[in-house]
PDB file of N, CA and C in Angstrom:
ATOM      1  N   UNK A   1       3.594 -40.929  43.858  1.00  0.00           N
ATOM      2  CA  UNK A   1       2.255 -40.336  42.755  1.00  0.00           C
ATOM      3  C   UNK A   1       2.523 -39.091  42.723  1.00  0.00           C
ATOM      4  N   UNK A   2       2.683 -38.097  44.214  1.00  0.00           N
ATOM      5  CA  UNK A   2       2.544 -36.872  44.151  1.00  0.00           C
ATOM      6  C   UNK A   2       3.733 -36.012  43.191  1.00  0.00           C
ATOM      7  N   UNK A   3       4.687 -36.741  43.679  1.00  0.00           N
ATOM      8  CA  UNK A   3       6.479 -36.274  43.020  1.00  0.00           C
ATOM      9  C   UNK A   3       5.449 -36.670  41.447  1.00  0.00           C
ATOM     10  N   UNK A   4       5.144 -37.439  40.937  1.00  0.00           N
ATOM     11  CA  UNK A   4       4.899 -37.719  39.573  1.00  0.00           C
ATOM     12  C   UNK A   4       4.600 -36.828  39.011  1.00  0.00           C
ATOM     13  N   UNK A   5       3.267 -36.390  39.567  1.00  0.00           N
ATOM     14  CA  UNK A   5       2.400 -34.832  39.605  1.00  0.00           C
ATOM     15  C   UNK A   5       3.061 -33.898  39.122  1.00  0.00           C
ATOM     16  N   UNK A   6       3.717 -33.319  40.317  1.00  0.00           N
ATOM     17  CA  UNK A   6       4.363 -32.072  40.136  1.00  0.00           C
ATOM     18  C   UNK A   6       5.348 -32.162  39.304  1.00  0.00           C
ATOM     19  N   UNK A   7       6.445 -33.596  38.795  1.00  0.00           N
ATOM     20  CA  UNK A   7       7.386 -33.421  37.802  1.00  0.00           C
ATOM     21  C   UNK A   7       6.945 -32.896  36.565  1.00  0.00           C
ATOM     22  N   UNK A   8       5.683 -33.833  35.855  1.00  0.00           N
ATOM     23  CA  UNK A   8       4.795 -33.320  35.237  1.00  0.00           C
ATOM     24  C   UNK A   8       4.407 -31.863  34.617  1.00  0.00           C
ATOM     25  N   UNK A   9       3.906 -31.233  35.589  1.00  0.00           N
ATOM     26  CA  UNK A   9       3.572 -30.414  35.859  1.00  0.00           C
ATOM     27  C   UNK A   9       4.573 -29.050  35.577  1.00  0.00           C
ATOM     28  N   UNK A  10       5.809 -29.299  36.423  1.00  0.00           N
ATOM     29  CA  UNK A  10       7.018 -28.540  36.027  1.00  0.00           C
ATOM     30  C   UNK A  10       7.476 -28.393  34.347  1.00  0.00           C
ATOM     31  N   UNK A  11       7.921 -29.855  34.021  1.00  0.00           N
ATOM     32  CA  UNK A  11       7.626 -30.230  32.723  1.00  0.00           C
ATOM     33  C   UNK A  11       7.268 -29.047  30.891  1.00  0.00           C
ATOM     34  N   UNK A  12       5.578 -29.600  31.778  1.00  0.00           N
ATOM     35  CA  UNK A  12       4.804 -28.892  30.673  1.00  0.00           C
ATOM     36  C   UNK A  12       4.880 -26.943  31.023  1.00  0.00           C
ATOM     37  N   UNK A  13       5.510 -26.739  32.369  1.00  0.00           N
ATOM     38  CA  UNK A  13       5.482 -25.697  32.763  1.00  0.00           C
ATOM     39  C   UNK A  13       6.465 -24.988  31.566  1.00  0.00           C
ATOM     40  N   UNK A  14       7.469 -25.573  31.840  1.00  0.00           N
ATOM     41  CA  UNK A  14       9.106 -25.083  31.797  1.00  0.00           C
ATOM     42  C   UNK A  14       8.866 -25.459  29.881  1.00  0.00           C
ATOM     43  N   UNK A  15       8.406 -26.309  29.321  1.00  0.00           N
ATOM     44  CA  UNK A  15       8.287 -26.251  27.856  1.00  0.00           C
ATOM     45  C   UNK A  15       7.256 -25.505  27.123  1.00  0.00           C
ATOM     46  N   UNK A  16       6.038 -25.005  27.898  1.00  0.00           N
ATOM     47  CA  UNK A  16       5.054 -23.881  27.715  1.00  0.00           C
ATOM     48  C   UNK A  16       6.159 -22.664  27.330  1.00  0.00           C
ATOM     49  N   UNK A  17       7.071 -22.462  27.772  1.00  0.00           N
ATOM     50  CA  UNK A  17       7.959 -20.978  28.256  1.00  0.00           C
ATOM     51  C   UNK A  17       8.243 -20.839  26.551  1.00  0.00           C
ATOM     52  N   UNK A  18       9.018 -21.554  25.950  1.00  0.00           N
ATOM     53  CA  UNK A  18       9.272 -21.893  24.766  1.00  0.00           C
ATOM     54  C   UNK A  18       8.452 -21.069  23.567  1.00  0.00           C
ATOM     55  N   UNK A  19       7.000 -21.446  23.836  1.00  0.00           N
ATOM     56  CA  UNK A  19       5.805 -21.528  22.494  1.00  0.00           C
ATOM     57  C   UNK A  19       5.238 -20.344  22.742  1.00  0.00           C
ATOM     58  N   UNK A  20       5.989 -19.554  23.909  1.00  0.00           N
ATOM     59  CA  UNK A  20       5.087 -18.380  23.738  1.00  0.00           C
ATOM     60  C   UNK A  20       5.499 -17.295  22.738  1.00  0.00           C
ATOM     61  N   UNK A  21       4.900 -16.466  22.180  1.00  0.00           N
ATOM     62  CA  UNK A  21       5.055 -15.964  20.842  1.00  0.00           C
ATOM     63  C   UNK A  21       6.269 -14.447  21.606  1.00  0.00           C
ATOM     64  N   UNK A  22       7.212 -14.396  20.462  1.00  0.00           N
ATOM     65  CA  UNK A  22       7.871 -12.882  21.023  1.00  0.00           C
ATOM     66  C   UNK A  22       7.474 -12.006  20.009  1.00  0.00           C
ATOM     67  N   UNK A  23       7.783 -10.769  20.679  1.00  0.00           N
ATOM     68  CA  UNK A  23       7.014  -9.596  19.844  1.00  0.00           C
ATOM     69  C   UNK A  23       7.759  -9.109  18.989  1.00  0.00           C
ATOM     70  N   UNK A  24       6.777  -8.576  18.181  1.00  0.00           N
ATOM     71  CA  UNK A  24       7.367  -7.587  16.859  1.00  0.00           C
ATOM     72  C   UNK A  24       8.546  -6.448  17.269  1.00  0.00           C
ATOM     73  N   UNK A  25       9.482  -6.197  16.912  1.00  0.00           N
ATOM     74  CA  UNK A  25       9.538  -4.707  17.576  1.00  0.00           C
ATOM     75  C   UNK A  25      10.455  -4.246  16.438  1.00  0.00           C
ATOM     76  N   UNK A  26       9.353  -3.208  16.066  1.00  0.00           N
ATOM     77  CA  UNK A  26      10.285  -2.033  15.040  1.00  0.00           C
ATOM     78  C   UNK A  26      10.833  -0.891  16.088  1.00  0.00           C
ATOM     79  N   UNK A  27      12.107  -0.842  14.692  1.00  0.00           N
ATOM     80  CA  UNK A  27      12.711   0.678  15.406  1.00  0.00           C
ATOM     81  C   UNK A  27      13.241   1.821  14.426  1.00  0.00           C
ATOM     82  N   UNK A  28      13.335   3.100  14.289  1.00  0.00           N
ATOM     83  CA  UNK A  28      13.491   3.695  13.542  1.00  0.00           C
ATOM     84  C   UNK A  28      12.512   4.417  12.190  1.00  0.00           C
ATOM     85  N   UNK A  29      12.556   4.696  11.512  1.00  0.00           N
ATOM     86  CA  UNK A  29      11.912   5.269  10.222  1.00  0.00           C
ATOM     87  C   UNK A  29      11.086   4.160   9.855  1.00  0.00           C
ATOM     88  N   UNK A  30       9.548   4.406   9.568  1.00  0.00           N
ATOM     89  CA  UNK A  30       8.915   3.342   8.922  1.00  0.00           C
ATOM     90  C   UNK A  30       8.656   4.116   7.787  1.00  0.00           C
ATOM     91  N   UNK A  31       9.443   3.744   6.309  1.00  0.00           N
ATOM     92  CA  UNK A  31       9.157   4.246   5.453  1.00  0.00           C
ATOM     93  C   UNK A  31       8.438   3.359   4.423  1.00  0.00           C
ATOM     94  N   UNK A  32       7.063   3.682   4.289  1.00  0.00           N
ATOM     95  CA  UNK A  32       6.140   3.403   3.315  1.00  0.00           C
ATOM     96  C   UNK A  32       6.607   3.332   1.566  1.00  0.00           C
ATOM     97  N   UNK A  33       6.020   2.517   0.679  1.00  0.00           N
ATOM     98  CA  UNK A  33       5.953   2.733  -0.700  1.00  0.00           C
ATOM     99  C   UNK A  33       5.858   3.925  -1.231  1.00  0.00           C
ATOM    100  N   UNK A  34       4.406   4.400  -0.776  1.00  0.00           N
ATOM    101  CA  UNK A  34       3.962   5.516  -0.635  1.00  0.00           C
ATOM    102  C   UNK A  34       5.511   6.778  -0.864  1.00  0.00           C
ATOM    103  N   UNK A  35       5.364   6.971   0.537  1.00  0.00           N
ATOM    104  CA  UNK A  35       6.455   8.091   0.817  1.00  0.00           C
ATOM    105  C   UNK A  35       7.814   7.934  -0.168  1.00  0.00           C
ATOM    106  N   UNK A  36       8.242   6.560  -0.575  1.00  0.00           N
ATOM    107  CA  UNK A  36       9.504   6.657  -1.688  1.00  0.00           C
ATOM    108  C   UNK A  36       8.850   7.230  -3.060  1.00  0.00           C
ATOM    109  N   UNK A  37       7.932   6.649  -3.168  1.00  0.00           N
ATOM    110  CA  UNK A  37       7.180   7.450  -4.763  1.00  0.00           C
ATOM    111  C   UNK A  37       6.970   8.606  -4.516  1.00  0.00           C
ATOM    112  N   UNK A  38       6.557   9.415  -3.489  1.00  0.00           N
ATOM    113  CA  UNK A  38       6.640  11.111  -3.688  1.00  0.00           C
ATOM    114  C   UNK A  38       7.559  11.740  -3.890  1.00  0.00           C
ATOM    115  N   UNK A  39       8.555  11.011  -3.228  1.00  0.00           N
ATOM    116  CA  UNK A  39      10.611  11.794  -3.816  1.00  0.00           C
ATOM    117  C   UNK A  39      10.810  11.693  -4.761  1.00  0.00           C
ATOM    118  N   UNK A  40      11.276  12.677  -5.341  1.00  0.00           N
ATOM    119  CA  UNK A  40      11.969  13.039  -6.930  1.00  0.00           C
ATOM    120  C   UNK A  40      13.166  13.853  -6.473  1.00  0.00           C
ATOM    121  N   UNK A  41      14.134  13.913  -7.365  1.00  0.00           N
ATOM    122  CA  UNK A  41      14.956  14.971  -7.693  1.00  0.00           C
ATOM    123  C   UNK A  41      14.868  16.116  -8.066  1.00  0.00           C
ATOM    124  N   UNK A  42      15.226  17.381  -7.129  1.00  0.00           N
ATOM    125  CA  UNK A  42      15.387  18.649  -7.177  1.00  0.00           C
ATOM    126  C   UNK A  42      14.481  19.170  -6.081  1.00  0.00           C
ATOM    127  N   UNK A  43      14.080  18.320  -5.124  1.00  0.00           N
ATOM    128  CA  UNK A  43      13.337  18.019  -3.610  1.00  0.00           C
ATOM    129  C   UNK A  43      13.928  19.363  -2.690  1.00  0.00           C
ATOM    130  N   UNK A  44      13.803  19.886  -2.192  1.00  0.00           N
ATOM    131  CA  UNK A  44      14.442  20.894  -0.893  1.00  0.00           C
ATOM    132  C   UNK A  44      14.455  19.359   0.443  1.00  0.00           C
ATOM    133  N   UNK A  45      15.820  19.743   1.003  1.00  0.00           N
ATOM    134  CA  UNK A  45      15.320  19.446   2.627  1.00  0.00           C
ATOM    135  C   UNK A  45      13.870  19.276   3.493  1.00  0.00           C
ATOM    136  N   UNK A  46      13.536  20.067   3.179  1.00  0.00           N
ATOM    137  CA  UNK A  46      12.495  20.751   4.151  1.00  0.00           C
ATOM    138  C   UNK A  46      11.171  19.966   3.111  1.00  0.00           C
ATOM    139  N   UNK A  47      11.192  19.501   2.283  1.00  0.00           N
ATOM    140  CA  UNK A  47       9.698  19.144   1.275  1.00  0.00           C
ATOM    141  C   UNK A  47      10.038  17.595   1.709  1.00  0.00           C
ATOM    142  N   UNK A  48      11.423  17.264   1.596  1.00  0.00           N
ATOM    143  CA  UNK A  48      11.576  15.620   1.893  1.00  0.00           C
ATOM    144  C   UNK A  48      11.218  15.298   3.475  1.00  0.00           C
ATOM    145  N   UNK A  49      11.825  16.314   4.583  1.00  0.00           N
ATOM    146  CA  UNK A  49      11.334  16.052   6.015  1.00  0.00           C
ATOM    147  C   UNK A  49       9.865  15.969   5.539  1.00  0.00           C
ATOM    148  N   UNK A  50       9.604  16.829   5.173  1.00  0.00           N
ATOM    149  CA  UNK A  50       7.600  16.581   5.060  1.00  0.00           C
ATOM    150  C   UNK A  50       6.998  15.399   4.465  1.00  0.00           C
ATOM    151  N   UNK A  51       7.350  14.671   3.621  1.00  0.00           N
ATOM    152  CA  UNK A  51       7.151  13.128   2.595  1.00  0.00           C
ATOM    153  C   UNK A  51       7.229  12.592   4.137  1.00  0.00           C
ATOM    154  N   UNK A  52       8.859  12.359   4.248  1.00  0.00           N
ATOM    155  CA  UNK A  52       9.570  11.214   5.164  1.00  0.00           C
ATOM    156  C   UNK A  52       9.704  11.736   6.609  1.00  0.00           C
ATOM    157  N   UNK A  53       9.285  12.541   6.932  1.00  0.00           N
ATOM    158  CA  UNK A  53       9.928  12.733   8.406  1.00  0.00           C
ATOM    159  C   UNK A  53      11.137  12.991   8.735  1.00  0.00           C
ATOM    160  N   UNK A  54      11.389  13.036   9.966  1.00  0.00           N
ATOM    161  CA  UNK A  54      12.779  13.501  10.507  1.00  0.00           C
ATOM    162  C   UNK A  54      13.185  12.435  10.257  1.00  0.00           C
ATOM    163  N   UNK A  55      14.337  12.424   9.453  1.00  0.00           N
ATOM    164  CA  UNK A  55      15.285  11.285   9.913  1.00  0.00           C
ATOM    165  C   UNK A  55      16.202  10.737  11.203  1.00  0.00           C
ATOM    166  N   UNK A  56      16.371   9.500  11.026  1.00  0.00           N
ATOM    167  CA  UNK A  56      16.986   8.938  12.125  1.00  0.00           C
ATOM    168  C   UNK A  56      18.630   9.578  12.682  1.00  0.00           C
ATOM    169  N   UNK A  57      19.284   9.546  11.460  1.00  0.00           N
ATOM    170  CA  UNK A  57      20.637  10.115  11.475  1.00  0.00           C
ATOM    171  C   UNK A  57      20.721  11.194  10.718  1.00  0.00           C
ATOM    172  N   UNK A  58      21.134  12.499  11.205  1.00  0.00           N
ATOM    173  CA  UNK A  58      22.301  13.509  10.689  1.00  0.00           C
ATOM    174  C   UNK A  58      23.741  13.901  10.995  1.00  0.00           C
ATOM    175  N   UNK A  59      24.266  14.073  10.178  1.00  0.00           N
ATOM    176  CA  UNK A  59      25.325  13.745  10.370  1.00  0.00           C
ATOM    177  C   UNK A  59      26.102  15.637  10.138  1.00  0.00           C
ATOM    178  N   UNK A  60      25.996  16.017  11.243  1.00  0.00           N
ATOM    179  CA  UNK A  60      26.509  17.276  11.239  1.00  0.00           C
ATOM    180  C   UNK A  60      28.053  17.743  10.392  1.00  0.00           C
ATOM    181  N   UNK A  61      28.536  16.911   9.980  1.00  0.00           N
ATOM    182  CA  UNK A  61      30.141  16.941   9.232  1.00  0.00           C
ATOM    183  C   UNK A  61      29.892  16.922   7.274  1.00  0.00           C
ATOM    184  N   UNK A  62      28.444  16.214   7.440  1.00  0.00           N
ATOM    185  CA  UNK A  62      28.166  16.154   5.972  1.00  0.00           C
ATOM    186  C   UNK A  62      26.704  16.464   5.849  1.00  0.00           C
ATOM    187  N   UNK A  63      26.263  17.423   5.779  1.00  0.00           N
ATOM    188  CA  UNK A  63      24.996  17.967   5.849  1.00  0.00           C
ATOM    189  C   UNK A  63      23.811  17.681   4.636  1.00  0.00           C
ATOM    190  N   UNK A  64      25.132  17.298   3.458  1.00  0.00           N
ATOM    191  CA  UNK A  64      24.021  16.986   2.362  1.00  0.00           C
ATOM    192  C   UNK A  64      23.843  15.529   2.481  1.00  0.00           C
ATOM    193  N   UNK A  65      23.574  15.021   3.438  1.00  0.00           N
ATOM    194  CA  UNK A  65      23.001  13.587   3.509  1.00  0.00           C
ATOM    195  C   UNK A  65      22.090  13.087   4.477  1.00  0.00           C
ATOM    196  N   UNK A  66      21.147  12.393   4.392  1.00  0.00           N
ATOM    197  CA  UNK A  66      20.100  12.499   5.109  1.00  0.00           C
ATOM    198  C   UNK A  66      20.203  10.777   5.092  1.00  0.00           C
ATOM    199  N   UNK A  67      20.132  10.016   6.399  1.00  0.00           N
ATOM    200  CA  UNK A  67      19.654   8.674   6.795  1.00  0.00           C
ATOM    201  C   UNK A  67      18.598   7.979   7.219  1.00  0.00           C
ATOM    202  N   UNK A  68      17.615   7.514   6.705  1.00  0.00           N
ATOM    203  CA  UNK A  68      16.477   6.986   7.073  1.00  0.00           C
ATOM    204  C   UNK A  68      16.629   5.314   7.595  1.00  0.00           C
ATOM    205  N   UNK A  69      16.796   4.926   8.686  1.00  0.00           N
ATOM    206  CA  UNK A  69      17.398   3.476   9.325  1.00  0.00           C
ATOM    207  C   UNK A  69      15.891   2.859   9.648  1.00  0.00           C
ATOM    208  N   UNK A  70      15.916   1.839   9.160  1.00  0.00           N
ATOM    209  CA  UNK A  70      14.701   1.080   9.767  1.00  0.00           C
ATOM    210  C   UNK A  70      15.118  -0.510   9.864  1.00  0.00           C
ATOM    211  N   UNK A  71      14.853  -0.959  11.189  1.00  0.00           N
ATOM    212  CA  UNK A  71      14.978  -2.168  11.830  1.00  0.00           C
ATOM    213  C   UNK A  71      13.619  -2.984  12.450  1.00  0.00           C
ATOM    214  N   UNK A  72      13.689  -4.172  11.873  1.00  0.00           N
ATOM    215  CA  UNK A  72      12.468  -5.112  12.227  1.00  0.00           C
ATOM    216  C   UNK A  72      13.230  -6.406  13.036  1.00  0.00           C
ATOM    217  N   UNK A  73      12.936  -6.573  13.943  1.00  0.00           N
ATOM    218  CA  UNK A  73      12.894  -7.871  14.938  1.00  0.00           C
ATOM    219  C   UNK A  73      11.505  -8.373  15.231  1.00  0.00           C
ATOM    220  N   UNK A  74      11.516  -9.611  14.720  1.00  0.00           N
ATOM    221  CA  UNK A  74      10.137 -10.362  14.563  1.00  0.00           C
ATOM    222  C   UNK A  74      10.499 -11.759  15.149  1.00  0.00           C
ATOM    223  N   UNK A  75       9.985 -11.948  16.712  1.00  0.00           N
ATOM    224  CA  UNK A  75      10.424 -13.412  17.365  1.00  0.00           C
ATOM    225  C   UNK A  75      11.779 -13.752  17.579  1.00  0.00           C
ATOM    226  N   UNK A  76      12.335 -15.025  16.749  1.00  0.00           N
ATOM    227  CA  UNK A  76      13.470 -15.174  17.086  1.00  0.00           C
ATOM    228  C   UNK A  76      14.345 -15.176  16.133  1.00  0.00           C
ATOM    229  N   UNK A  77      13.925 -14.630  14.859  1.00  0.00           N
ATOM    230  CA  UNK A  77      14.538 -14.601  13.940  1.00  0.00           C
ATOM    231  C   UNK A  77      15.693 -13.562  13.999  1.00  0.00           C
ATOM    232  N   UNK A  78      16.633 -13.254  12.602  1.00  0.00           N
ATOM    233  CA  UNK A  78      17.526 -12.314  12.684  1.00  0.00           C
ATOM    234  C   UNK A  78      17.339 -10.886  12.137  1.00  0.00           C
ATOM    235  N   UNK A  79      17.329  -9.823  12.894  1.00  0.00           N
ATOM    236  CA  UNK A  79      16.700  -8.586  12.571  1.00  0.00           C
ATOM    237  C   UNK A  79      17.287  -7.876  11.410  1.00  0.00           C
ATOM    238  N   UNK A  80      16.320  -7.317  10.703  1.00  0.00           N
ATOM    239  CA  UNK A  80      16.467  -6.732   9.303  1.00  0.00           C
ATOM    240  C   UNK A  80      16.538  -5.430   9.545  1.00  0.00           C
ATOM    241  N   UNK A  81      17.459  -4.820   8.670  1.00  0.00           N
ATOM    242  CA  UNK A  81      18.030  -3.547   8.671  1.00  0.00           C
ATOM    243  C   UNK A  81      17.802  -2.952   7.471  1.00  0.00           C
ATOM    244  N   UNK A  82      17.052  -1.709   7.172  1.00  0.00           N
ATOM    245  CA  UNK A  82      16.450  -1.624   5.986  1.00  0.00           C
ATOM    246  C   UNK A  82      17.392   0.319   6.147  1.00  0.00           C
ATOM    247  N   UNK A  83      18.264   0.726   5.360  1.00  0.00           N
ATOM    248  CA  UNK A  83      18.675   2.021   5.168  1.00  0.00           C
ATOM    249  C   UNK A  83      18.385   2.838   3.824  1.00  0.00           C
ATOM    250  N   UNK A  84      17.969   3.873   3.730  1.00  0.00           N
ATOM    251  CA  UNK A  84      17.527   4.273   2.937  1.00  0.00           C
ATOM    252  C   UNK A  84      18.343   5.845   2.925  1.00  0.00           C
ATOM    253  N   UNK A  85      19.440   6.076   1.977  1.00  0.00           N
ATOM    254  CA  UNK A  85      19.938   7.493   2.442  1.00  0.00           C
ATOM    255  C   UNK A  85      20.019   8.164   1.187  1.00  0.00           C
ATOM    256  N   UNK A  86      20.002  10.030   1.437  1.00  0.00           N
ATOM    257  CA  UNK A  86      19.094  10.740   0.791  1.00  0.00           C
ATOM    258  C   UNK A  86      20.186  11.301   0.542  1.00  0.00           C
ATOM    259  N   UNK A  87      20.811  12.260  -0.712  1.00  0.00           N
ATOM    260  CA  UNK A  87      21.871  12.717  -0.704  1.00  0.00           C
ATOM    261  C   UNK A  87      21.546  13.967  -1.561  1.00  0.00           C
ATOM    262  N   UNK A  88      22.098  15.448  -1.194  1.00  0.00           N
ATOM    263  CA  UNK A  88      21.562  16.678  -1.762  1.00  0.00           C
ATOM    264  C   UNK A  88      22.920  17.348  -2.127  1.00  0.00           C
ATOM    265  N   UNK A  89      22.854  17.908  -3.276  1.00  0.00           N
ATOM    266  CA  UNK A  89      23.963  18.703  -3.513  1.00  0.00           C
ATOM    267  C   UNK A  89      23.335  20.002  -4.103  1.00  0.00           C
ATOM    268  N   UNK A  90      23.460  20.930  -3.556  1.00  0.00           N
ATOM    269  CA  UNK A  90      22.788  22.709  -3.422  1.00  0.00           C
ATOM    270  C   UNK A  90      21.623  22.483  -3.112  1.00  0.00           C
ATOM    271  N   UNK A  91      21.479  21.924  -1.678  1.00  0.00           N
ATOM    272  CA  UNK A  91      19.812  22.269  -1.427  1.00  0.00           C
ATOM    273  C   UNK A  91      18.989  21.659  -1.729  1.00  0.00           C
ATOM    274  N   UNK A  92      19.336  20.406  -2.844  1.00  0.00           N
ATOM    275  CA  UNK A  92      18.228  19.707  -3.678  1.00  0.00           C
ATOM    276  C   UNK A  92      18.637  18.383  -3.635  1.00  0.00           C
ATOM    277  N   UNK A  93      17.500  17.595  -3.957  1.00  0.00           N
ATOM    278  CA  UNK A  93      17.625  16.381  -3.547  1.00  0.00           C
ATOM    279  C   UNK A  93      18.266  15.565  -5.007  1.00  0.00           C
ATOM    280  N   UNK A  94      19.568  15.252  -4.851  1.00  0.00           N
ATOM    281  CA  UNK A  94      20.351  14.742  -6.305  1.00  0.00           C
ATOM    282  C   UNK A  94      20.343  13.113  -6.206  1.00  0.00           C
ATOM    283  N   UNK A  95      20.019  12.204  -5.375  1.00  0.00           N
ATOM    284  CA  UNK A  95      20.278  10.974  -5.139  1.00  0.00           C
ATOM    285  C   UNK A  95      19.770  10.533  -4.084  1.00  0.00           C
ATOM    286  N   UNK A  96      19.196   8.990  -4.232  1.00  0.00           N
ATOM    287  CA  UNK A  96      18.577   8.500  -3.413  1.00  0.00           C
ATOM    288  C   UNK A  96      19.322   6.697  -3.505  1.00  0.00           C
ATOM    289  N   UNK A  97      19.632   6.448  -2.167  1.00  0.00           N
ATOM    290  CA  UNK A  97      20.065   4.801  -2.223  1.00  0.00           C
ATOM    291  C   UNK A  97      19.439   4.191  -1.233  1.00  0.00           C
ATOM    292  N   UNK A  98      19.044   2.896  -1.650  1.00  0.00           N
ATOM    293  CA  UNK A  98      18.427   2.021  -0.804  1.00  0.00           C
ATOM    294  C   UNK A  98      19.104   0.613  -0.591  1.00  0.00           C
ATOM    295  N   UNK A  99      19.509   0.544   0.948  1.00  0.00           N
ATOM    296  CA  UNK A  99      20.331  -0.963   0.983  1.00  0.00           C
ATOM    297  C   UNK A  99      19.422  -1.446   2.268  1.00  0.00           C
TER     298      UNK A  99
END
């Protein structure tokens, strides 16, 4: 009888581990719709950094590009990655690309 109770307890304990929720993990630049709406062509890199914050990636070989990367992993789901590329020409924002 005692062994049966221990077995039931161990099984309940093991199955409860799979019911525990996994944490939501956000990494990179959190970019809001408000930030995106404040961007417009002709902005300087300093103005863009004031609006968006410092970019995660800045390629020293291509200084005319800023990359804002955001990754969200929630529970057992596949990670979602959003990438915002800002392209400058002559120190002014020329183009934005959202992926």
